[in-house]
């Protein structure tokens, strides 16, 4: 099972009056990572996958530790925990990786239910075979309970640096 890695820069304006990243800002961070995952890594040139529209049906976020402004980006690791006929669930960890000097630090665990949506018809649509094939590469067994759990399996990773041809700033189906 692969994991998608997105390095998200922290902006001075992300902080609130208490000196840490505001809780609502984490939704923007998750959006940036999700768009990068769904668009940048979508299958093949000219593919219609993930371009017809999608909506967020649900977010669940568990805030573990405060994150304060710094110059280094924060890592957002994401993977798929469920693929249904007309929805999928993406799980995330917003964290700093472990180094020789310090253990891994998890700031947020979250998950999002995404529903493919036919914008022209104004209704949900089914996940295509091509989309399912792509998503299955990032599929891990769901963790029981809420977003407080984390998967333990590791595998190949994809990495995106913010500002280097990422989905950030793009208009698209998951930009809601």
Protein backbone atom coordinates (compact mmCIF):
# COMPACT_ATOMS: atom_id res chain seq x y z
CA UNK A 1 0.00 0.00 0.00
CA UNK A 2 1.37 3.36 -1.02
CA UNK A 3 1.10 6.59 0.94
CA UNK A 4 0.92 10.02 -0.63
CA UNK A 5 3.21 12.63 0.96
CA UNK A 6 2.52 16.34 0.60
CA UNK A 7 4.71 18.98 2.23
CA UNK A 8 2.52 21.93 3.15
CA UNK A 9 4.03 25.32 3.96
CA UNK A 10 2.80 27.14 7.05
CA UNK A 11 1.73 30.72 6.52
CA UNK A 12 1.95 33.46 9.13
CA UNK A 13 -1.77 34.15 8.62
CA UNK A 14 -2.58 30.53 9.57
CA UNK A 15 -2.05 31.31 13.25
CA UNK A 16 -4.81 32.43 15.56
CA UNK A 17 -4.72 34.68 18.63
CA UNK A 18 -3.35 31.80 20.71
CA UNK A 19 -0.19 31.53 18.59
CA UNK A 20 -0.87 28.20 16.89
CA UNK A 21 -2.42 27.12 13.59
CA UNK A 22 -6.17 27.70 13.77
CA UNK A 23 -8.33 24.59 13.69
CA UNK A 24 -10.15 25.67 10.51
CA UNK A 25 -6.85 26.10 8.66
CA UNK A 26 -6.23 22.36 8.94
CA UNK A 27 -9.18 21.83 6.56
CA UNK A 28 -7.29 23.93 3.99
CA UNK A 29 -4.14 21.85 4.56
CA UNK A 30 -6.13 18.64 4.02
CA UNK A 31 -7.70 20.13 0.88
CA UNK A 32 -4.27 20.96 -0.56
CA UNK A 33 -3.03 17.41 0.09
CA UNK A 34 -6.24 15.85 -1.28
CA UNK A 35 -6.17 17.92 -4.47
CA UNK A 36 -2.51 17.10 -5.00
CA UNK A 37 -3.26 13.41 -4.52
CA UNK A 38 -6.39 13.28 -6.68
CA UNK A 39 -5.19 15.48 -9.56
CA UNK A 40 -1.43 15.32 -9.76
CA UNK A 41 -1.38 11.57 -9.34
CA UNK A 42 -4.53 10.82 -11.32
CA UNK A 43 -4.02 8.21 -14.03
CA UNK A 44 -2.52 9.16 -17.36
CA UNK A 45 -2.44 12.11 -19.70
CA UNK A 46 -5.86 12.91 -21.10
CA UNK A 47 -7.61 10.83 -18.45
CA UNK A 48 -11.03 12.04 -17.36
CA UNK A 49 -10.55 10.52 -13.89
CA UNK A 50 -11.32 12.83 -10.99
CA UNK A 51 -12.04 15.77 -13.30
CA UNK A 52 -15.83 15.60 -13.55
CA UNK A 53 -16.50 16.89 -10.06
CA UNK A 54 -16.47 15.68 -6.47
CA UNK A 55 -17.82 16.96 -3.19
CA UNK A 56 -16.76 16.48 0.39
CA UNK A 57 -19.53 14.66 2.26
CA UNK A 58 -17.83 14.52 5.66
CA UNK A 59 -14.71 15.53 7.59
CA UNK A 60 -13.55 14.10 10.90
CA UNK A 61 -10.55 15.70 12.60
CA UNK A 62 -8.79 14.82 15.83
CA UNK A 63 -6.44 17.55 17.02
CA UNK A 64 -3.52 15.96 18.86
CA UNK A 65 -0.99 18.78 19.43
CA UNK A 66 -0.80 22.50 18.64
CA UNK A 67 1.20 23.38 15.54
CA UNK A 68 3.00 26.72 15.62
CA UNK A 69 4.36 28.74 12.71
CA UNK A 70 7.81 27.83 11.42
CA UNK A 71 9.66 27.96 8.13
CA UNK A 72 9.70 24.20 7.49
CA UNK A 73 6.61 22.70 5.86
CA UNK A 74 4.54 20.13 7.70
CA UNK A 75 4.11 16.64 6.21
CA UNK A 76 0.61 15.48 5.30
CA UNK A 77 0.50 11.76 4.69
CA UNK A 78 -2.67 10.43 3.09
CA UNK A 79 -4.07 7.09 2.00
CA UNK A 80 -7.41 5.51 1.11
CA UNK A 81 -9.27 3.43 3.71
CA UNK A 82 -12.51 2.72 1.84
CA UNK A 83 -13.67 2.61 -1.76
CA UNK A 84 -17.42 2.29 -2.23
CA UNK A 85 -19.54 2.32 -5.36
CA UNK A 86 -20.03 6.10 -5.20
CA UNK A 87 -17.72 7.36 -2.42
CA UNK A 88 -14.27 6.94 -0.94
CA UNK A 89 -12.61 7.72 2.36
CA UNK A 90 -9.19 9.32 2.62
CA UNK A 91 -7.28 9.25 5.91
CA UNK A 92 -4.55 11.77 6.80
CA UNK A 93 -1.86 12.42 9.35
CA UNK A 94 -0.44 15.93 9.64
CA UNK A 95 2.96 15.42 11.22
CA UNK A 96 6.69 15.78 11.46
CA UNK A 97 8.65 12.65 10.62
CA UNK A 98 10.93 11.08 13.17
CA UNK A 99 14.60 12.05 13.04
CA UNK A 100 17.66 10.84 14.91
CA UNK A 101 17.02 13.59 17.47
CA UNK A 102 13.26 13.36 17.95
CA UNK A 103 10.36 10.95 17.53
CA UNK A 104 7.53 11.39 15.03
CA UNK A 105 5.12 14.17 16.07
CA UNK A 106 1.48 13.89 14.96
CA UNK A 107 -0.51 17.15 15.13
CA UNK A 108 -3.74 15.99 13.48
CA UNK A 109 -5.38 12.75 12.38
CA UNK A 110 -8.31 13.15 10.03
CA UNK A 111 -10.44 11.56 7.38
CA UNK A 112 -12.61 12.82 4.57
CA UNK A 113 -15.45 11.12 2.71
CA UNK A 114 -15.40 12.22 -0.93
CA UNK A 115 -18.30 11.66 -3.35
CA UNK A 116 -17.73 11.86 -7.11
CA UNK A 117 -20.28 14.29 -8.49
CA UNK A 118 -21.62 14.92 -11.96
CA UNK A 119 -21.79 18.72 -12.02
CA UNK A 120 -23.81 18.89 -15.24
CA UNK A 121 -26.47 16.48 -13.95
CA UNK A 122 -26.34 17.85 -10.41
CA UNK A 123 -26.05 14.45 -8.72
CA UNK A 124 -23.52 11.95 -7.37
CA UNK A 125 -21.92 9.49 -9.75
CA UNK A 126 -20.22 6.12 -9.44
CA UNK A 127 -16.45 5.69 -9.15
CA UNK A 128 -15.09 4.59 -12.53
CA UNK A 129 -12.97 1.45 -13.05
CA UNK A 130 -9.94 3.65 -13.82
CA UNK A 131 -10.42 5.67 -10.63
CA UNK A 132 -10.88 2.50 -8.57
CA UNK A 133 -7.68 0.99 -9.99
CA UNK A 134 -5.73 4.15 -9.07
CA UNK A 135 -7.24 4.35 -5.56
CA UNK A 136 -6.58 0.67 -4.80
CA UNK A 137 -2.83 1.37 -4.92
CA UNK A 138 -3.33 3.58 -1.82
CA UNK A 139 -5.86 1.35 -0.07
CA UNK A 140 -5.18 0.22 3.49
CA UNK A 141 -7.45 -1.62 5.87
CA UNK A 142 -9.71 0.79 7.75
CA UNK A 143 -8.81 1.42 11.36
CA UNK A 144 -11.67 0.80 13.76
CA UNK A 145 -13.09 3.84 15.49
CA UNK A 146 -12.49 7.45 14.54
CA UNK A 147 -9.64 9.33 12.91
CA UNK A 148 -7.70 8.85 16.16
CA UNK A 149 -6.32 5.56 14.92
CA UNK A 150 -3.54 5.24 12.38
CA UNK A 151 -2.67 2.50 9.97
CA UNK A 152 0.50 0.59 10.64
CA UNK A 153 1.33 -0.67 7.19
CA UNK A 154 3.90 1.16 5.14
CA UNK A 155 4.76 0.94 1.50
CA UNK A 156 6.01 2.93 -1.45
CA UNK A 157 5.38 6.63 -1.21
CA UNK A 158 4.67 9.48 -3.55
CA UNK A 159 5.89 12.90 -2.58
CA UNK A 160 4.91 16.40 -3.60
CA UNK A 161 6.56 19.62 -2.57
CA UNK A 162 4.20 22.58 -2.39
CA UNK A 163 4.73 24.92 -5.29
CA UNK A 164 6.14 22.29 -7.64
CA UNK A 165 3.31 21.44 -9.99
CA UNK A 166 0.92 20.56 -7.20
CA UNK A 167 -2.82 20.90 -7.27
CA UNK A 168 -2.63 23.94 -4.99
CA UNK A 169 -4.39 26.87 -6.50
CA UNK A 170 -6.12 24.77 -9.15
CA UNK A 171 -9.82 24.80 -9.64
CA UNK A 172 -11.20 21.31 -9.68
CA UNK A 173 -13.66 18.77 -8.42
CA UNK A 174 -12.23 18.56 -4.91
CA UNK A 175 -11.71 22.28 -4.42
CA UNK A 176 -14.83 22.54 -2.27
